[in-house]
């Protein structure tokens, strides 16, 4: 019985999903990292975000919606 529980625990741990932390702000990156990842300078990314933020914002705060800056990062990637 104890051996079966150990096997079950190992199987359960093997299939756990690991999520990377979300990048939510340009301040988390250095200038050269921003330029390398997105091929745009920081000020243009911020300007683009300000232009489209109202259109891409979530309509509700339920279920922890993806921040608008993260959506911009995803599209630029």
PDB file of N, CA and C in Angstrom:
ATOM      1  N   UNK A   1       0.820  -1.196   0.000  1.00  0.00           N
ATOM      2  CA  UNK A   1       0.000   0.000   0.000  1.00  0.00           C
ATOM      3  C   UNK A   1       0.865   1.262   0.000  1.00  0.00           C
ATOM      4  N   UNK A   2       1.904   1.259   0.846  1.00  0.00           N
ATOM      5  CA  UNK A   2       2.785   2.429   0.926  1.00  0.00           C
ATOM      6  C   UNK A   2       3.517   2.648  -0.387  1.00  0.00           C
ATOM      7  N   UNK A   3       3.914   1.581  -1.047  1.00  0.00           N
ATOM      8  CA  UNK A   3       4.610   1.703  -2.336  1.00  0.00           C
ATOM      9  C   UNK A   3       3.688   2.310  -3.388  1.00  0.00           C
ATOM     10  N   UNK A   4       2.426   1.936  -3.353  1.00  0.00           N
ATOM     11  CA  UNK A   4       1.461   2.474  -4.310  1.00  0.00           C
ATOM     12  C   UNK A   4       1.274   3.971  -4.093  1.00  0.00           C
ATOM     13  N   UNK A   5       1.268   4.415  -2.857  1.00  0.00           N
ATOM     14  CA  UNK A   5       1.136   5.845  -2.569  1.00  0.00           C
ATOM     15  C   UNK A   5       2.349   6.625  -3.058  1.00  0.00           C
ATOM     16  N   UNK A   6       3.537   6.061  -2.918  1.00  0.00           N
ATOM     17  CA  UNK A   6       4.759   6.727  -3.388  1.00  0.00           C
ATOM     18  C   UNK A   6       4.720   6.864  -4.900  1.00  0.00           C
ATOM     19  N   UNK A   7       4.309   5.823  -5.606  1.00  0.00           N
ATOM     20  CA  UNK A   7       4.206   5.868  -7.071  1.00  0.00           C
ATOM     21  C   UNK A   7       3.168   6.901  -7.478  1.00  0.00           C
ATOM     22  N   UNK A   8       2.042   6.934  -6.798  1.00  0.00           N
ATOM     23  CA  UNK A   8       0.995   7.901  -7.101  1.00  0.00           C
ATOM     24  C   UNK A   8       1.495   9.334  -6.901  1.00  0.00           C
ATOM     25  N   UNK A   9       2.210   9.606  -5.813  1.00  0.00           N
ATOM     26  CA  UNK A   9       2.753  10.940  -5.536  1.00  0.00           C
ATOM     27  C   UNK A   9       3.732  11.349  -6.626  1.00  0.00           C
ATOM     28  N   UNK A  10       4.609  10.440  -7.047  1.00  0.00           N
ATOM     29  CA  UNK A  10       5.584  10.751  -8.096  1.00  0.00           C
ATOM     30  C   UNK A  10       4.890  11.063  -9.412  1.00  0.00           C
ATOM     31  N   UNK A  11       3.852  10.328  -9.759  1.00  0.00           N
ATOM     32  CA  UNK A  11       3.101  10.577 -10.990  1.00  0.00           C
ATOM     33  C   UNK A  11       2.400  11.933 -10.931  1.00  0.00           C
ATOM     34  N   UNK A  12       1.843  12.244  -9.786  1.00  0.00           N
ATOM     35  CA  UNK A  12       1.129  13.518  -9.640  1.00  0.00           C
ATOM     36  C   UNK A  12       2.090  14.693  -9.757  1.00  0.00           C
ATOM     37  N   UNK A  13       3.265  14.599  -9.159  1.00  0.00           N
ATOM     38  CA  UNK A  13       4.241  15.681  -9.217  1.00  0.00           C
ATOM     39  C   UNK A  13       4.828  15.843 -10.607  1.00  0.00           C
ATOM     40  N   UNK A  14       4.871  14.787 -11.361  1.00  0.00           N
ATOM     41  CA  UNK A  14       5.461  14.829 -12.691  1.00  0.00           C
ATOM     42  C   UNK A  14       4.630  15.677 -13.649  1.00  0.00           C
ATOM     43  N   UNK A  15       3.334  15.748 -13.427  1.00  0.00           N
ATOM     44  CA  UNK A  15       2.437  16.412 -14.361  1.00  0.00           C
ATOM     45  C   UNK A  15       1.999  17.802 -13.911  1.00  0.00           C
ATOM     46  N   UNK A  16       2.614  18.341 -12.883  1.00  0.00           N
ATOM     47  CA  UNK A  16       2.244  19.684 -12.449  1.00  0.00           C
ATOM     48  C   UNK A  16       2.775  20.696 -13.449  1.00  0.00           C
ATOM     49  N   UNK A  17       1.954  21.677 -13.764  1.00  0.00           N
ATOM     50  CA  UNK A  17       2.342  22.706 -14.724  1.00  0.00           C
ATOM     51  C   UNK A  17       3.134  23.799 -14.029  1.00  0.00           C
ATOM     52  N   UNK A  18       4.130  24.302 -14.718  1.00  0.00           N
ATOM     53  CA  UNK A  18       4.968  25.376 -14.191  1.00  0.00           C
ATOM     54  C   UNK A  18       4.770  26.586 -15.084  1.00  0.00           C
ATOM     55  N   UNK A  19       4.397  27.703 -14.493  1.00  0.00           N
ATOM     56  CA  UNK A  19       4.154  28.927 -15.239  1.00  0.00           C
ATOM     57  C   UNK A  19       5.301  29.909 -15.020  1.00  0.00           C
ATOM     58  N   UNK A  20       5.734  30.554 -16.086  1.00  0.00           N
ATOM     59  CA  UNK A  20       6.728  31.608 -15.987  1.00  0.00           C
ATOM     60  C   UNK A  20       6.032  32.877 -15.495  1.00  0.00           C
ATOM     61  N   UNK A  21       6.718  33.715 -14.748  1.00  0.00           N
ATOM     62  CA  UNK A  21       6.081  34.957 -14.297  1.00  0.00           C
ATOM     63  C   UNK A  21       5.777  35.866 -15.492  1.00  0.00           C
ATOM     64  N   UNK A  22       4.654  36.564 -15.419  1.00  0.00           N
ATOM     65  CA  UNK A  22       4.280  37.479 -16.492  1.00  0.00           C
ATOM     66  C   UNK A  22       5.135  38.728 -16.442  1.00  0.00           C
ATOM     67  N   UNK A  23       5.509  39.203 -17.600  1.00  0.00           N
ATOM     68  CA  UNK A  23       6.185  40.487 -17.703  1.00  0.00           C
ATOM     69  C   UNK A  23       5.092  41.534 -17.854  1.00  0.00           C
ATOM     70  N   UNK A  24       4.939  42.394 -16.866  1.00  0.00           N
ATOM     71  CA  UNK A  24       3.839  43.347 -16.865  1.00  0.00           C
ATOM     72  C   UNK A  24       4.281  44.794 -17.031  1.00  0.00           C
ATOM     73  N   UNK A  25       5.574  45.044 -16.993  1.00  0.00           N
ATOM     74  CA  UNK A  25       6.022  46.423 -17.020  1.00  0.00           C
ATOM     75  C   UNK A  25       7.368  46.524 -17.723  1.00  0.00           C
ATOM     76  N   UNK A  26       7.555  47.560 -18.475  1.00  0.00           N
ATOM     77  CA  UNK A  26       8.840  47.762 -19.155  1.00  0.00           C
ATOM     78  C   UNK A  26       9.963  48.057 -18.179  1.00  0.00           C
ATOM     79  N   UNK A  27       9.624  48.492 -16.982  1.00  0.00           N
ATOM     80  CA  UNK A  27      10.657  48.800 -15.990  1.00  0.00           C
ATOM     81  C   UNK A  27      11.387  47.549 -15.524  1.00  0.00           C
ATOM     82  N   UNK A  28      10.815  46.370 -15.814  1.00  0.00           N
ATOM     83  CA  UNK A  28      11.456  45.111 -15.431  1.00  0.00           C
ATOM     84  C   UNK A  28      12.614  44.749 -16.350  1.00  0.00           C
ATOM     85  N   UNK A  29      12.728  45.441 -17.497  1.00  0.00           N
ATOM     86  CA  UNK A  29      13.769  45.151 -18.477  1.00  0.00           C
ATOM     87  C   UNK A  29      14.707  46.340 -18.652  1.00  0.00           C
ATOM     88  N   UNK A  30      15.941  46.038 -19.014  1.00  0.00           N
ATOM     89  CA  UNK A  30      16.891  47.099 -19.357  1.00  0.00           C
ATOM     90  C   UNK A  30      16.646  47.530 -20.801  1.00  0.00           C
ATOM     91  N   UNK A  31      17.172  48.692 -21.183  1.00  0.00           N
ATOM     92  CA  UNK A  31      16.926  49.232 -22.518  1.00  0.00           C
ATOM     93  C   UNK A  31      17.375  48.286 -23.626  1.00  0.00           C
ATOM     94  N   UNK A  32      18.547  47.681 -23.481  1.00  0.00           N
ATOM     95  CA  UNK A  32      19.018  46.796 -24.547  1.00  0.00           C
ATOM     96  C   UNK A  32      18.166  45.534 -24.637  1.00  0.00           C
ATOM     97  N   UNK A  33      17.597  45.078 -23.507  1.00  0.00           N
ATOM     98  CA  UNK A  33      16.717  43.915 -23.537  1.00  0.00           C
ATOM     99  C   UNK A  33      15.402  44.244 -24.252  1.00  0.00           C
ATOM    100  N   UNK A  34      14.887  45.442 -24.025  1.00  0.00           N
ATOM    101  CA  UNK A  34      13.665  45.877 -24.700  1.00  0.00           C
ATOM    102  C   UNK A  34      13.913  45.919 -26.200  1.00  0.00           C
ATOM    103  N   UNK A  35      15.005  46.519 -26.606  1.00  0.00           N
ATOM    104  CA  UNK A  35      15.333  46.652 -28.027  1.00  0.00           C
ATOM    105  C   UNK A  35      15.557  45.278 -28.664  1.00  0.00           C
ATOM    106  N   UNK A  36      16.221  44.368 -27.946  1.00  0.00           N
ATOM    107  CA  UNK A  36      16.492  43.031 -28.469  1.00  0.00           C
ATOM    108  C   UNK A  36      15.214  42.211 -28.597  1.00  0.00           C
ATOM    109  N   UNK A  37      14.358  42.255 -27.599  1.00  0.00           N
ATOM    110  CA  UNK A  37      13.130  41.441 -27.614  1.00  0.00           C
ATOM    111  C   UNK A  37      12.094  41.951 -28.595  1.00  0.00           C
ATOM    112  N   UNK A  38      11.884  43.273 -28.622  1.00  0.00           N
ATOM    113  CA  UNK A  38      10.745  43.826 -29.338  1.00  0.00           C
ATOM    114  C   UNK A  38      11.121  44.681 -30.545  1.00  0.00           C
ATOM    115  N   UNK A  39      12.399  44.935 -30.754  1.00  0.00           N
ATOM    116  CA  UNK A  39      12.918  45.701 -31.887  1.00  0.00           C
ATOM    117  C   UNK A  39      12.338  47.111 -31.975  1.00  0.00           C
ATOM    118  N   UNK A  40      11.891  47.618 -30.863  1.00  0.00           N
ATOM    119  CA  UNK A  40      11.401  48.991 -30.763  1.00  0.00           C
ATOM    120  C   UNK A  40      11.953  49.607 -29.494  1.00  0.00           C
ATOM    121  N   UNK A  41      12.217  50.907 -29.520  1.00  0.00           N
ATOM    122  CA  UNK A  41      12.663  51.547 -28.276  1.00  0.00           C
ATOM    123  C   UNK A  41      11.518  51.639 -27.266  1.00  0.00           C
ATOM    124  N   UNK A  42      11.907  51.784 -26.035  1.00  0.00           N
ATOM    125  CA  UNK A  42      10.969  51.816 -24.913  1.00  0.00           C
ATOM    126  C   UNK A  42       9.874  52.870 -25.106  1.00  0.00           C
ATOM    127  N   UNK A  43      10.241  54.065 -25.542  1.00  0.00           N
ATOM    128  CA  UNK A  43       9.251  55.145 -25.655  1.00  0.00           C
ATOM    129  C   UNK A  43       8.193  54.844 -26.721  1.00  0.00           C
ATOM    130  N   UNK A  44       8.556  54.161 -27.810  1.00  0.00           N
ATOM    131  CA  UNK A  44       7.559  53.816 -28.824  1.00  0.00           C
ATOM    132  C   UNK A  44       6.605  52.728 -28.334  1.00  0.00           C
ATOM    133  N   UNK A  45       7.110  51.795 -27.558  1.00  0.00           N
ATOM    134  CA  UNK A  45       6.245  50.758 -26.996  1.00  0.00           C
ATOM    135  C   UNK A  45       5.250  51.391 -26.025  1.00  0.00           C
ATOM    136  N   UNK A  46       5.718  52.305 -25.206  1.00  0.00           N
ATOM    137  CA  UNK A  46       4.814  52.984 -24.272  1.00  0.00           C
ATOM    138  C   UNK A  46       3.768  53.815 -25.008  1.00  0.00           C
ATOM    139  N   UNK A  47       4.171  54.477 -26.089  1.00  0.00           N
ATOM    140  CA  UNK A  47       3.236  55.271 -26.875  1.00  0.00           C
ATOM    141  C   UNK A  47       2.189  54.371 -27.542  1.00  0.00           C
ATOM    142  N   UNK A  48       2.629  53.255 -28.092  1.00  0.00           N
ATOM    143  CA  UNK A  48       1.706  52.291 -28.693  1.00  0.00           C
ATOM    144  C   UNK A  48       0.713  51.781 -27.655  1.00  0.00           C
ATOM    145  N   UNK A  49       1.209  51.458 -26.478  1.00  0.00           N
ATOM    146  CA  UNK A  49       0.335  50.992 -25.397  1.00  0.00           C
ATOM    147  C   UNK A  49      -0.709  52.045 -25.046  1.00  0.00           C
ATOM    148  N   UNK A  50      -0.288  53.299 -24.947  1.00  0.00           N
ATOM    149  CA  UNK A  50      -1.229  54.370 -24.608  1.00  0.00           C
ATOM    150  C   UNK A  50      -2.298  54.546 -25.686  1.00  0.00           C
ATOM    151  N   UNK A  51      -1.932  54.321 -26.955  1.00  0.00           N
ATOM    152  CA  UNK A  51      -2.886  54.483 -28.048  1.00  0.00           C
ATOM    153  C   UNK A  51      -3.961  53.395 -28.068  1.00  0.00           C
ATOM    154  N   UNK A  52      -3.591  52.164 -27.750  1.00  0.00           N
ATOM    155  CA  UNK A  52      -4.538  51.058 -27.911  1.00  0.00           C
ATOM    156  C   UNK A  52      -5.054  50.481 -26.592  1.00  0.00           C
ATOM    157  N   UNK A  53      -4.655  51.042 -25.486  1.00  0.00           N
ATOM    158  CA  UNK A  53      -5.017  50.488 -24.183  1.00  0.00           C
ATOM    159  C   UNK A  53      -6.527  50.361 -23.996  1.00  0.00           C
ATOM    160  N   UNK A  54      -7.285  51.350 -24.396  1.00  0.00           N
ATOM    161  CA  UNK A  54      -8.743  51.322 -24.188  1.00  0.00           C
ATOM    162  C   UNK A  54      -9.405  50.194 -24.985  1.00  0.00           C
ATOM    163  N   UNK A  55      -8.885  49.906 -26.169  1.00  0.00           N
ATOM    164  CA  UNK A  55      -9.486  48.872 -27.015  1.00  0.00           C
ATOM    165  C   UNK A  55      -9.163  47.456 -26.544  1.00  0.00           C
ATOM    166  N   UNK A  56      -7.995  47.266 -25.927  1.00  0.00           N
ATOM    167  CA  UNK A  56      -7.589  45.903 -25.565  1.00  0.00           C
ATOM    168  C   UNK A  56      -7.790  45.590 -24.086  1.00  0.00           C
ATOM    169  N   UNK A  57      -8.267  46.544 -23.328  1.00  0.00           N
ATOM    170  CA  UNK A  57      -8.484  46.319 -21.890  1.00  0.00           C
ATOM    171  C   UNK A  57      -9.622  45.329 -21.673  1.00  0.00           C
ATOM    172  N   UNK A  58      -9.501  44.518 -20.632  1.00  0.00           N
ATOM    173  CA  UNK A  58     -10.547  43.557 -20.281  1.00  0.00           C
ATOM    174  C   UNK A  58     -11.791  44.306 -19.830  1.00  0.00           C
ATOM    175  N   UNK A  59     -12.939  43.742 -20.139  1.00  0.00           N
ATOM    176  CA  UNK A  59     -14.203  44.376 -19.767  1.00  0.00           C
ATOM    177  C   UNK A  59     -14.569  44.136 -18.306  1.00  0.00           C
ATOM    178  N   UNK A  60     -13.883  43.202 -17.657  1.00  0.00           N
ATOM    179  CA  UNK A  60     -14.194  42.853 -16.282  1.00  0.00           C
ATOM    180  C   UNK A  60     -12.909  42.549 -15.525  1.00  0.00           C
ATOM    181  N   UNK A  61     -12.973  42.615 -14.206  1.00  0.00           N
ATOM    182  CA  UNK A  61     -11.810  42.276 -13.379  1.00  0.00           C
ATOM    183  C   UNK A  61     -11.894  40.841 -12.867  1.00  0.00           C
ATOM    184  N   UNK A  62     -12.828  40.076 -13.368  1.00  0.00           N
ATOM    185  CA  UNK A  62     -12.983  38.687 -12.926  1.00  0.00           C
ATOM    186  C   UNK A  62     -11.859  37.818 -13.474  1.00  0.00           C
ATOM    187  N   UNK A  63     -11.492  36.820 -12.745  1.00  0.00           N
ATOM    188  CA  UNK A  63     -10.559  35.774 -13.159  1.00  0.00           C
ATOM    189  C   UNK A  63      -9.164  36.295 -13.504  1.00  0.00           C
ATOM    190  N   UNK A  64      -8.742  37.370 -12.899  1.00  0.00           N
ATOM    191  CA  UNK A  64      -7.381  37.869 -13.078  1.00  0.00           C
ATOM    192  C   UNK A  64      -7.021  38.060 -14.551  1.00  0.00           C
ATOM    193  N   UNK A  65      -7.585  39.061 -15.239  1.00  0.00           N
ATOM    194  CA  UNK A  65      -7.346  39.242 -16.673  1.00  0.00           C
ATOM    195  C   UNK A  65      -5.889  39.605 -16.963  1.00  0.00           C
ATOM    196  N   UNK A  66      -5.463  39.336 -18.181  1.00  0.00           N
ATOM    197  CA  UNK A  66      -4.107  39.647 -18.619  1.00  0.00           C
ATOM    198  C   UNK A  66      -3.987  41.168 -18.731  1.00  0.00           C
ATOM    199  N   UNK A  67      -2.940  41.761 -18.144  1.00  0.00           N
ATOM    200  CA  UNK A  67      -2.762  43.214 -18.238  1.00  0.00           C
ATOM    201  C   UNK A  67      -2.553  43.659 -19.688  1.00  0.00           C
ATOM    202  N   UNK A  68      -2.947  44.886 -19.973  1.00  0.00           N
ATOM    203  CA  UNK A  68      -2.854  45.376 -21.354  1.00  0.00           C
ATOM    204  C   UNK A  68      -1.410  45.451 -21.833  1.00  0.00           C
ATOM    205  N   UNK A  69      -0.473  45.799 -20.968  1.00  0.00           N
ATOM    206  CA  UNK A  69       0.922  45.867 -21.395  1.00  0.00           C
ATOM    207  C   UNK A  69       1.438  44.480 -21.775  1.00  0.00           C
ATOM    208  N   UNK A  70       0.999  43.456 -21.079  1.00  0.00           N
ATOM    209  CA  UNK A  70       1.390  42.087 -21.416  1.00  0.00           C
ATOM    210  C   UNK A  70       0.839  41.710 -22.790  1.00  0.00           C
ATOM    211  N   UNK A  71      -0.361  42.151 -23.108  1.00  0.00           N
ATOM    212  CA  UNK A  71      -0.929  41.895 -24.439  1.00  0.00           C
ATOM    213  C   UNK A  71      -0.092  42.581 -25.518  1.00  0.00           C
ATOM    214  N   UNK A  72       0.348  43.777 -25.247  1.00  0.00           N
ATOM    215  CA  UNK A  72       1.195  44.499 -26.206  1.00  0.00           C
ATOM    216  C   UNK A  72       2.513  43.756 -26.398  1.00  0.00           C
ATOM    217  N   UNK A  73       3.111  43.301 -25.302  1.00  0.00           N
ATOM    218  CA  UNK A  73       4.369  42.536 -25.395  1.00  0.00           C
ATOM    219  C   UNK A  73       4.171  41.287 -26.246  1.00  0.00           C
ATOM    220  N   UNK A  74       3.069  40.585 -26.020  1.00  0.00           N
ATOM    221  CA  UNK A  74       2.794  39.369 -26.763  1.00  0.00           C
ATOM    222  C   UNK A  74       2.674  39.655 -28.263  1.00  0.00           C
ATOM    223  N   UNK A  75       1.976  40.711 -28.601  1.00  0.00           N
ATOM    224  CA  UNK A  75       1.800  41.056 -30.024  1.00  0.00           C
ATOM    225  C   UNK A  75       3.120  41.487 -30.662  1.00  0.00           C
ATOM    226  N   UNK A  76       3.936  42.177 -29.936  1.00  0.00           N
ATOM    227  CA  UNK A  76       5.222  42.620 -30.489  1.00  0.00           C
ATOM    228  C   UNK A  76       6.209  41.469 -30.623  1.00  0.00           C
ATOM    229  N   UNK A  77       6.023  40.461 -29.819  1.00  0.00           N
ATOM    230  CA  UNK A  77       6.915  39.312 -29.876  1.00  0.00           C
ATOM    231  C   UNK A  77       6.699  38.577 -31.155  1.00  0.00           C
TER     232      UNK A  77
END
